[in-house]
C-alpha cells in the first residue's frame, strides 16, 4: 500500500517509481514533502538525473507520480522557488 500524506485537506501519494532515461532501471522512492529533488543518481548505471526543462524536480520528469506540491497545486504548481539553477547543464 502506498504511503499517503495529507495536507490542507488534500491527500498525496509519497511513493513514485523513478525510471532512468539512460538505462531504463526503475526504483521506487519516497518523495520528500519539504524539499525539491533536483538531482538523483541512478543506482544501476550511476548517471545523474536532472529535471527536464520546465519540470520542477526529477520526480516530475522521471517518476510515475508527480511530486507532492504538484499533486496538491496541479500542473502549474512547483515544489521549489522559481529558479533556473537546476536547468543548467
PDB file of N, CA and C in Angstrom:
ATOM      1  N   UNK A   1       0.846  -1.178   0.000  1.00  0.00           N
ATOM      2  CA  UNK A   1       0.000   0.000   0.000  1.00  0.00           C
ATOM      3  C   UNK A   1       0.892   1.243   0.000  1.00  0.00           C
ATOM      4  N   UNK A   2       0.608   2.220  -0.872  1.00  0.00           N
ATOM      5  CA  UNK A   2       1.468   3.402  -0.948  1.00  0.00           C
ATOM      6  C   UNK A   2       1.360   4.279   0.293  1.00  0.00           C
ATOM      7  N   UNK A   3       2.468   4.953   0.593  1.00  0.00           N
ATOM      8  CA  UNK A   3       2.458   5.919   1.687  1.00  0.00           C
ATOM      9  C   UNK A   3       1.668   7.136   1.226  1.00  0.00           C
ATOM     10  N   UNK A   4       0.801   7.625   2.095  1.00  0.00           N
ATOM     11  CA  UNK A   4      -0.006   8.794   1.782  1.00  0.00           C
ATOM     12  C   UNK A   4       0.307   9.902   2.770  1.00  0.00           C
ATOM     13  N   UNK A   5       0.121  11.133   2.338  1.00  0.00           N
ATOM     14  CA  UNK A   5       0.368  12.304   3.166  1.00  0.00           C
ATOM     15  C   UNK A   5      -0.794  13.249   2.942  1.00  0.00           C
ATOM     16  N   UNK A   6      -1.359  13.766   4.023  1.00  0.00           N
ATOM     17  CA  UNK A   6      -2.477  14.693   3.905  1.00  0.00           C
ATOM     18  C   UNK A   6      -2.053  16.065   4.393  1.00  0.00           C
ATOM     19  N   UNK A   7      -2.329  17.072   3.558  1.00  0.00           N
ATOM     20  CA  UNK A   7      -2.016  18.452   3.910  1.00  0.00           C
ATOM     21  C   UNK A   7      -3.097  19.339   3.318  1.00  0.00           C
ATOM     22  N   UNK A   8      -3.650  20.193   4.136  1.00  0.00           N
ATOM     23  CA  UNK A   8      -4.667  21.120   3.648  1.00  0.00           C
ATOM     24  C   UNK A   8      -5.875  20.432   3.048  1.00  0.00           C
ATOM     25  N   UNK A   9      -6.217  19.263   3.551  1.00  0.00           N
ATOM     26  CA  UNK A   9      -7.365  18.532   3.042  1.00  0.00           C
ATOM     27  C   UNK A   9      -7.093  17.714   1.794  1.00  0.00           C
ATOM     28  N   UNK A  10      -5.894  17.815   1.254  1.00  0.00           N
ATOM     29  CA  UNK A  10      -5.523  17.034   0.071  1.00  0.00           C
ATOM     30  C   UNK A  10      -4.658  15.854   0.478  1.00  0.00           C
ATOM     31  N   UNK A  11      -4.951  14.695  -0.076  1.00  0.00           N
ATOM     32  CA  UNK A  11      -4.135  13.513   0.173  1.00  0.00           C
ATOM     33  C   UNK A  11      -3.223  13.295  -1.022  1.00  0.00           C
ATOM     34  N   UNK A  12      -1.937  13.127  -0.722  1.00  0.00           N
ATOM     35  CA  UNK A  12      -0.943  12.964  -1.775  1.00  0.00           C
ATOM     36  C   UNK A  12      -0.235  11.626  -1.633  1.00  0.00           C
ATOM     37  N   UNK A  13       0.161  11.056  -2.750  1.00  0.00           N
ATOM     38  CA  UNK A  13       0.933   9.819  -2.773  1.00  0.00           C
ATOM     39  C   UNK A  13       2.399  10.192  -2.624  1.00  0.00           C
ATOM     40  N   UNK A  14       3.109   9.518  -1.733  1.00  0.00           N
ATOM     41  CA  UNK A  14       4.514   9.832  -1.496  1.00  0.00           C
ATOM     42  C   UNK A  14       5.477   8.898  -2.212  1.00  0.00           C
ATOM     43  N   UNK A  15       4.997   7.787  -2.752  1.00  0.00           N
ATOM     44  CA  UNK A  15       5.868   6.872  -3.489  1.00  0.00           C
ATOM     45  C   UNK A  15       5.772   7.152  -4.984  1.00  0.00           C
ATOM     46  N   UNK A  16       6.916   7.112  -5.622  1.00  0.00           N
ATOM     47  CA  UNK A  16       6.974   7.274  -7.069  1.00  0.00           C
ATOM     48  C   UNK A  16       8.066   6.346  -7.592  1.00  0.00           C
ATOM     49  N   UNK A  17       7.820   5.727  -8.733  1.00  0.00           N
ATOM     50  CA  UNK A  17       8.830   4.871  -9.352  1.00  0.00           C
ATOM     51  C   UNK A  17       9.600   5.726 -10.354  1.00  0.00           C
ATOM     52  N   UNK A  18      10.885   5.941 -10.060  1.00  0.00           N
ATOM     53  CA  UNK A  18      11.747   6.689 -10.968  1.00  0.00           C
ATOM     54  C   UNK A  18      12.285   5.737 -12.027  1.00  0.00           C
ATOM     55  N   UNK A  19      12.221   6.153 -13.285  1.00  0.00           N
ATOM     56  CA  UNK A  19      12.749   5.365 -14.394  1.00  0.00           C
ATOM     57  C   UNK A  19      13.917   6.125 -15.008  1.00  0.00           C
ATOM     58  N   UNK A  20      15.076   5.513 -14.996  1.00  0.00           N
ATOM     59  CA  UNK A  20      16.273   6.141 -15.555  1.00  0.00           C
ATOM     60  C   UNK A  20      16.129   6.242 -17.076  1.00  0.00           C
ATOM     61  N   UNK A  21      16.290   7.443 -17.639  1.00  0.00           N
ATOM     62  CA  UNK A  21      16.179   7.590 -19.093  1.00  0.00           C
ATOM     63  C   UNK A  21      17.385   7.021 -19.842  1.00  0.00           C
ATOM     64  N   UNK A  22      18.456   6.725 -19.129  1.00  0.00           N
ATOM     65  CA  UNK A  22      19.671   6.205 -19.758  1.00  0.00           C
ATOM     66  C   UNK A  22      19.660   4.681 -19.876  1.00  0.00           C
ATOM     67  N   UNK A  23      19.269   3.997 -18.784  1.00  0.00           N
ATOM     68  CA  UNK A  23      19.343   2.529 -18.796  1.00  0.00           C
ATOM     69  C   UNK A  23      17.993   1.845 -18.587  1.00  0.00           C
ATOM     70  N   UNK A  24      16.953   2.618 -18.255  1.00  0.00           N
ATOM     71  CA  UNK A  24      15.626   2.047 -18.069  1.00  0.00           C
ATOM     72  C   UNK A  24      15.381   1.431 -16.702  1.00  0.00           C
ATOM     73  N   UNK A  25      16.386   1.475 -15.819  1.00  0.00           N
ATOM     74  CA  UNK A  25      16.242   0.903 -14.482  1.00  0.00           C
ATOM     75  C   UNK A  25      15.161   1.661 -13.719  1.00  0.00           C
ATOM     76  N   UNK A  26      14.355   0.923 -12.959  1.00  0.00           N
ATOM     77  CA  UNK A  26      13.283   1.526 -12.181  1.00  0.00           C
ATOM     78  C   UNK A  26      13.495   1.255 -10.704  1.00  0.00           C
ATOM     79  N   UNK A  27      13.225   2.268  -9.890  1.00  0.00           N
ATOM     80  CA  UNK A  27      13.341   2.116  -8.444  1.00  0.00           C
ATOM     81  C   UNK A  27      12.282   2.974  -7.767  1.00  0.00           C
ATOM     82  N   UNK A  28      11.582   2.364  -6.807  1.00  0.00           N
ATOM     83  CA  UNK A  28      10.589   3.108  -6.049  1.00  0.00           C
ATOM     84  C   UNK A  28      11.288   3.931  -4.975  1.00  0.00           C
ATOM     85  N   UNK A  29      10.931   5.197  -4.904  1.00  0.00           N
ATOM     86  CA  UNK A  29      11.496   6.109  -3.918  1.00  0.00           C
ATOM     87  C   UNK A  29      10.364   6.842  -3.211  1.00  0.00           C
ATOM     88  N   UNK A  30      10.633   7.273  -1.992  1.00  0.00           N
ATOM     89  CA  UNK A  30       9.683   8.090  -1.248  1.00  0.00           C
ATOM     90  C   UNK A  30      10.027   9.552  -1.486  1.00  0.00           C
ATOM     91  N   UNK A  31       9.043  10.321  -1.905  1.00  0.00           N
ATOM     92  CA  UNK A  31       9.263  11.735  -2.198  1.00  0.00           C
ATOM     93  C   UNK A  31       9.189  12.558  -0.920  1.00  0.00           C
ATOM     94  N   UNK A  32      10.086  13.524  -0.768  1.00  0.00           N
ATOM     95  CA  UNK A  32      10.005  14.405   0.391  1.00  0.00           C
ATOM     96  C   UNK A  32       8.840  15.379   0.221  1.00  0.00           C
ATOM     97  N   UNK A  33       8.284  15.809   1.328  1.00  0.00           N
ATOM     98  CA  UNK A  33       7.198  16.793   1.269  1.00  0.00           C
ATOM     99  C   UNK A  33       7.722  18.196   1.531  1.00  0.00           C
ATOM    100  N   UNK A  34       8.992  18.300   1.919  1.00  0.00           N
ATOM    101  CA  UNK A  34       9.539  19.601   2.309  1.00  0.00           C
ATOM    102  C   UNK A  34      10.800  19.986   1.538  1.00  0.00           C
ATOM    103  N   UNK A  35      11.073  19.318   0.427  1.00  0.00           N
ATOM    104  CA  UNK A  35      12.281  19.616  -0.345  1.00  0.00           C
ATOM    105  C   UNK A  35      12.046  19.283  -1.813  1.00  0.00           C
ATOM    106  N   UNK A  36      12.814  19.953  -2.658  1.00  0.00           N
ATOM    107  CA  UNK A  36      12.757  19.707  -4.095  1.00  0.00           C
ATOM    108  C   UNK A  36      13.968  18.861  -4.479  1.00  0.00           C
ATOM    109  N   UNK A  37      13.751  17.770  -5.186  1.00  0.00           N
ATOM    110  CA  UNK A  37      14.848  16.877  -5.563  1.00  0.00           C
ATOM    111  C   UNK A  37      15.296  17.222  -6.988  1.00  0.00           C
ATOM    112  N   UNK A  38      16.387  17.985  -7.077  1.00  0.00           N
ATOM    113  CA  UNK A  38      16.919  18.412  -8.375  1.00  0.00           C
ATOM    114  C   UNK A  38      17.760  17.329  -9.030  1.00  0.00           C
ATOM    115  N   UNK A  39      18.475  16.553  -8.219  1.00  0.00           N
ATOM    116  CA  UNK A  39      19.411  15.560  -8.748  1.00  0.00           C
ATOM    117  C   UNK A  39      19.140  14.204  -8.125  1.00  0.00           C
ATOM    118  N   UNK A  40      19.317  13.160  -8.927  1.00  0.00           N
ATOM    119  CA  UNK A  40      19.139  11.795  -8.442  1.00  0.00           C
ATOM    120  C   UNK A  40      20.111  10.913  -9.210  1.00  0.00           C
ATOM    121  N   UNK A  41      20.908  10.131  -8.498  1.00  0.00           N
ATOM    122  CA  UNK A  41      21.845   9.223  -9.152  1.00  0.00           C
ATOM    123  C   UNK A  41      21.197   7.859  -9.316  1.00  0.00           C
ATOM    124  N   UNK A  42      21.143   7.374 -10.555  1.00  0.00           N
ATOM    125  CA  UNK A  42      20.606   6.046 -10.834  1.00  0.00           C
ATOM    126  C   UNK A  42      21.475   5.020 -10.115  1.00  0.00           C
ATOM    127  N   UNK A  43      20.849   4.143  -9.366  1.00  0.00           N
ATOM    128  CA  UNK A  43      21.608   3.137  -8.615  1.00  0.00           C
ATOM    129  C   UNK A  43      22.113   2.009  -9.510  1.00  0.00           C
ATOM    130  N   UNK A  44      21.672   1.977 -10.772  1.00  0.00           N
ATOM    131  CA  UNK A  44      22.124   0.943 -11.700  1.00  0.00           C
ATOM    132  C   UNK A  44      23.298   1.425 -12.559  1.00  0.00           C
ATOM    133  N   UNK A  45      23.109   2.522 -13.300  1.00  0.00           N
ATOM    134  CA  UNK A  45      24.162   2.994 -14.217  1.00  0.00           C
ATOM    135  C   UNK A  45      24.958   4.173 -13.655  1.00  0.00           C
ATOM    136  N   UNK A  46      24.505   4.711 -12.532  1.00  0.00           N
ATOM    137  CA  UNK A  46      25.165   5.811 -11.813  1.00  0.00           C
ATOM    138  C   UNK A  46      25.182   7.134 -12.573  1.00  0.00           C
ATOM    139  N   UNK A  47      24.331   7.272 -13.581  1.00  0.00           N
ATOM    140  CA  UNK A  47      24.175   8.560 -14.265  1.00  0.00           C
ATOM    141  C   UNK A  47      23.375   9.492 -13.355  1.00  0.00           C
ATOM    142  N   UNK A  48      23.645  10.777 -13.469  1.00  0.00           N
ATOM    143  CA  UNK A  48      22.954  11.777 -12.670  1.00  0.00           C
ATOM    144  C   UNK A  48      21.737  12.284 -13.436  1.00  0.00           C
ATOM    145  N   UNK A  49      20.562  12.091 -12.850  1.00  0.00           N
ATOM    146  CA  UNK A  49      19.322  12.563 -13.460  1.00  0.00           C
ATOM    147  C   UNK A  49      19.053  13.976 -12.976  1.00  0.00           C
ATOM    148  N   UNK A  50      18.604  14.823 -13.907  1.00  0.00           N
ATOM    149  CA  UNK A  50      18.225  16.204 -13.615  1.00  0.00           C
ATOM    150  C   UNK A  50      16.844  16.434 -14.209  1.00  0.00           C
ATOM    151  N   UNK A  51      16.082  17.365 -13.656  1.00  0.00           N
ATOM    152  CA  UNK A  51      14.750  17.620 -14.218  1.00  0.00           C
ATOM    153  C   UNK A  51      14.829  18.073 -15.672  1.00  0.00           C
ATOM    154  N   UNK A  52      13.833  17.684 -16.441  1.00  0.00           N
ATOM    155  CA  UNK A  52      13.719  18.188 -17.808  1.00  0.00           C
ATOM    156  C   UNK A  52      13.339  19.662 -17.730  1.00  0.00           C
ATOM    157  N   UNK A  53      13.698  20.414 -18.744  1.00  0.00           N
ATOM    158  CA  UNK A  53      13.358  21.834 -18.774  1.00  0.00           C
ATOM    159  C   UNK A  53      11.844  21.994 -18.620  1.00  0.00           C
ATOM    160  N   UNK A  54      11.451  22.850 -17.701  1.00  0.00           N
ATOM    161  CA  UNK A  54      10.035  23.085 -17.445  1.00  0.00           C
ATOM    162  C   UNK A  54       9.480  22.272 -16.289  1.00  0.00           C
ATOM    163  N   UNK A  55      10.203  21.236 -15.867  1.00  0.00           N
ATOM    164  CA  UNK A  55       9.781  20.440 -14.711  1.00  0.00           C
ATOM    165  C   UNK A  55      10.503  20.945 -13.472  1.00  0.00           C
ATOM    166  N   UNK A  56       9.861  20.783 -12.321  1.00  0.00           N
ATOM    167  CA  UNK A  56      10.453  21.319 -11.092  1.00  0.00           C
ATOM    168  C   UNK A  56      11.404  20.350 -10.405  1.00  0.00           C
ATOM    169  N   UNK A  57      11.303  19.053 -10.695  1.00  0.00           N
ATOM    170  CA  UNK A  57      12.152  18.089  -9.989  1.00  0.00           C
ATOM    171  C   UNK A  57      12.236  16.777 -10.782  1.00  0.00           C
ATOM    172  N   UNK A  58      13.099  15.873 -10.326  1.00  0.00           N
ATOM    173  CA  UNK A  58      13.273  14.598 -11.036  1.00  0.00           C
ATOM    174  C   UNK A  58      12.021  13.723 -10.966  1.00  0.00           C
ATOM    175  N   UNK A  59      11.221  13.868  -9.910  1.00  0.00           N
ATOM    176  CA  UNK A  59      10.002  13.065  -9.817  1.00  0.00           C
ATOM    177  C   UNK A  59       8.992  13.487 -10.886  1.00  0.00           C
ATOM    178  N   UNK A  60       8.939  14.789 -11.181  1.00  0.00           N
ATOM    179  CA  UNK A  60       8.019  15.257 -12.219  1.00  0.00           C
ATOM    180  C   UNK A  60       8.510  14.874 -13.613  1.00  0.00           C
ATOM    181  N   UNK A  61       9.815  14.722 -13.779  1.00  0.00           N
ATOM    182  CA  UNK A  61      10.371  14.352 -15.082  1.00  0.00           C
ATOM    183  C   UNK A  61      10.413  12.849 -15.318  1.00  0.00           C
ATOM    184  N   UNK A  62      10.777  12.083 -14.300  1.00  0.00           N
ATOM    185  CA  UNK A  62      11.052  10.654 -14.496  1.00  0.00           C
ATOM    186  C   UNK A  62      10.253   9.724 -13.585  1.00  0.00           C
ATOM    187  N   UNK A  63       9.365  10.285 -12.772  1.00  0.00           N
ATOM    188  CA  UNK A  63       8.612   9.478 -11.822  1.00  0.00           C
ATOM    189  C   UNK A  63       7.250   9.053 -12.339  1.00  0.00           C
ATOM    190  N   UNK A  64       6.715   8.017 -11.719  1.00  0.00           N
ATOM    191  CA  UNK A  64       5.381   7.530 -12.067  1.00  0.00           C
ATOM    192  C   UNK A  64       4.295   8.398 -11.446  1.00  0.00           C
ATOM    193  N   UNK A  65       4.674   9.174 -10.429  1.00  0.00           N
ATOM    194  CA  UNK A  65       3.756  10.063  -9.721  1.00  0.00           C
ATOM    195  C   UNK A  65       4.467  11.404  -9.575  1.00  0.00           C
ATOM    196  N   UNK A  66       3.807  12.528  -9.882  1.00  0.00           N
ATOM    197  CA  UNK A  66       4.461  13.824  -9.698  1.00  0.00           C
ATOM    198  C   UNK A  66       4.680  14.132  -8.216  1.00  0.00           C
ATOM    199  N   UNK A  67       5.548  15.089  -7.946  1.00  0.00           N
ATOM    200  CA  UNK A  67       5.884  15.444  -6.565  1.00  0.00           C
ATOM    201  C   UNK A  67       4.647  15.938  -5.805  1.00  0.00           C
ATOM    202  N   UNK A  68       4.670  15.853  -4.462  1.00  0.00           N
ATOM    203  CA  UNK A  68       3.512  16.257  -3.662  1.00  0.00           C
ATOM    204  C   UNK A  68       2.987  17.668  -3.942  1.00  0.00           C
ATOM    205  N   UNK A  69       3.837  18.697  -4.089  1.00  0.00           N
ATOM    206  CA  UNK A  69       3.277  20.021  -4.386  1.00  0.00           C
ATOM    207  C   UNK A  69       2.522  20.077  -5.713  1.00  0.00           C
ATOM    208  N   UNK A  70       2.986  19.354  -6.705  1.00  0.00           N
ATOM    209  CA  UNK A  70       2.278  19.322  -7.988  1.00  0.00           C
ATOM    210  C   UNK A  70       0.960  18.566  -7.831  1.00  0.00           C
ATOM    211  N   UNK A  71       0.964  17.497  -7.053  1.00  0.00           N
ATOM    212  CA  UNK A  71      -0.284  16.774  -6.784  1.00  0.00           C
ATOM    213  C   UNK A  71      -1.287  17.707  -6.112  1.00  0.00           C
ATOM    214  N   UNK A  72      -0.792  18.548  -5.213  1.00  0.00           N
ATOM    215  CA  UNK A  72      -1.667  19.444  -4.455  1.00  0.00           C
ATOM    216  C   UNK A  72      -2.089  20.662  -5.274  1.00  0.00           C
ATOM    217  N   UNK A  73      -1.158  21.250  -6.022  1.00  0.00           N
ATOM    218  CA  UNK A  73      -1.416  22.517  -6.705  1.00  0.00           C
ATOM    219  C   UNK A  73      -1.802  22.364  -8.169  1.00  0.00           C
ATOM    220  N   UNK A  74      -1.586  21.186  -8.736  1.00  0.00           N
ATOM    221  CA  UNK A  74      -1.852  20.991 -10.155  1.00  0.00           C
ATOM    222  C   UNK A  74      -0.616  21.270 -10.989  1.00  0.00           C
ATOM    223  N   UNK A  75      -0.736  21.161 -12.303  1.00  0.00           N
ATOM    224  CA  UNK A  75       0.408  21.287 -13.212  1.00  0.00           C
ATOM    225  C   UNK A  75       1.153  22.601 -13.087  1.00  0.00           C
ATOM    226  N   UNK A  76       0.477  23.669 -12.691  1.00  0.00           N
ATOM    227  CA  UNK A  76       1.135  24.975 -12.594  1.00  0.00           C
ATOM    228  C   UNK A  76       1.836  25.168 -11.261  1.00  0.00           C
ATOM    229  N   UNK A  77       1.741  24.195 -10.372  1.00  0.00           N
ATOM    230  CA  UNK A  77       2.415  24.276  -9.084  1.00  0.00           C
ATOM    231  C   UNK A  77       3.893  23.970  -9.225  1.00  0.00           C
ATOM    232  N   UNK A  78       4.602  24.088  -8.110  1.00  0.00           N
ATOM    233  CA  UNK A  78       6.036  23.810  -8.103  1.00  0.00           C
ATOM    234  C   UNK A  78       6.449  23.406  -6.702  1.00  0.00           C
ATOM    235  N   UNK A  79       7.458  22.545  -6.620  1.00  0.00           N
ATOM    236  CA  UNK A  79       7.961  22.128  -5.316  1.00  0.00           C
ATOM    237  C   UNK A  79       9.114  23.016  -4.871  1.00  0.00           C
ATOM    238  N   UNK A  80       9.469  23.980  -5.694  1.00  0.00           N
ATOM    239  CA  UNK A  80      10.611  24.818  -5.360  1.00  0.00           C
ATOM    240  C   UNK A  80      10.355  26.253  -5.785  1.00  0.00           C
ATOM    241  N   UNK A  81      11.219  27.128  -5.330  1.00  0.00           N
ATOM    242  CA  UNK A  81      11.155  28.520  -5.750  1.00  0.00           C
ATOM    243  C   UNK A  81      11.508  28.591  -7.221  1.00  0.00           C
ATOM    244  N   UNK A  82      11.002  29.589  -7.899  1.00  0.00           N
ATOM    245  CA  UNK A  82      11.343  29.768  -9.305  1.00  0.00           C
ATOM    246  C   UNK A  82      12.840  29.985  -9.424  1.00  0.00           C
ATOM    247  N   UNK A  83      13.499  29.094 -10.080  1.00  0.00           N
ATOM    248  CA  UNK A  83      14.942  29.171 -10.260  1.00  0.00           C
ATOM    249  C   UNK A  83      15.315  28.349 -11.469  1.00  0.00           C
ATOM    250  N   UNK A  84      16.296  28.810 -12.205  1.00  0.00           N
ATOM    251  CA  UNK A  84      16.743  28.016 -13.342  1.00  0.00           C
ATOM    252  C   UNK A  84      18.033  27.288 -13.020  1.00  0.00           C
ATOM    253  N   UNK A  85      18.438  27.270 -11.758  1.00  0.00           N
ATOM    254  CA  UNK A  85      19.694  26.632 -11.371  1.00  0.00           C
ATOM    255  C   UNK A  85      19.705  25.155 -11.728  1.00  0.00           C
ATOM    256  N   UNK A  86      18.564  24.474 -11.611  1.00  0.00           N
ATOM    257  CA  UNK A  86      18.528  23.046 -11.890  1.00  0.00           C
ATOM    258  C   UNK A  86      18.377  22.753 -13.380  1.00  0.00           C
ATOM    259  N   UNK A  87      18.176  23.785 -14.197  1.00  0.00           N
ATOM    260  CA  UNK A  87      18.037  23.566 -15.630  1.00  0.00           C
ATOM    261  C   UNK A  87      19.358  23.708 -16.356  1.00  0.00           C
ATOM    262  N   UNK A  88      20.376  24.244 -15.689  1.00  0.00           N
ATOM    263  CA  UNK A  88      21.679  24.420 -16.326  1.00  0.00           C
ATOM    264  C   UNK A  88      22.350  23.080 -16.483  1.00  0.00           C
ATOM    265  N   UNK A  89      23.050  22.913 -17.567  1.00  0.00           N
ATOM    266  CA  UNK A  89      23.697  21.623 -17.814  1.00  0.00           C
ATOM    267  C   UNK A  89      25.152  21.665 -17.510  1.00  0.00           C
TER     268      UNK A  89
END
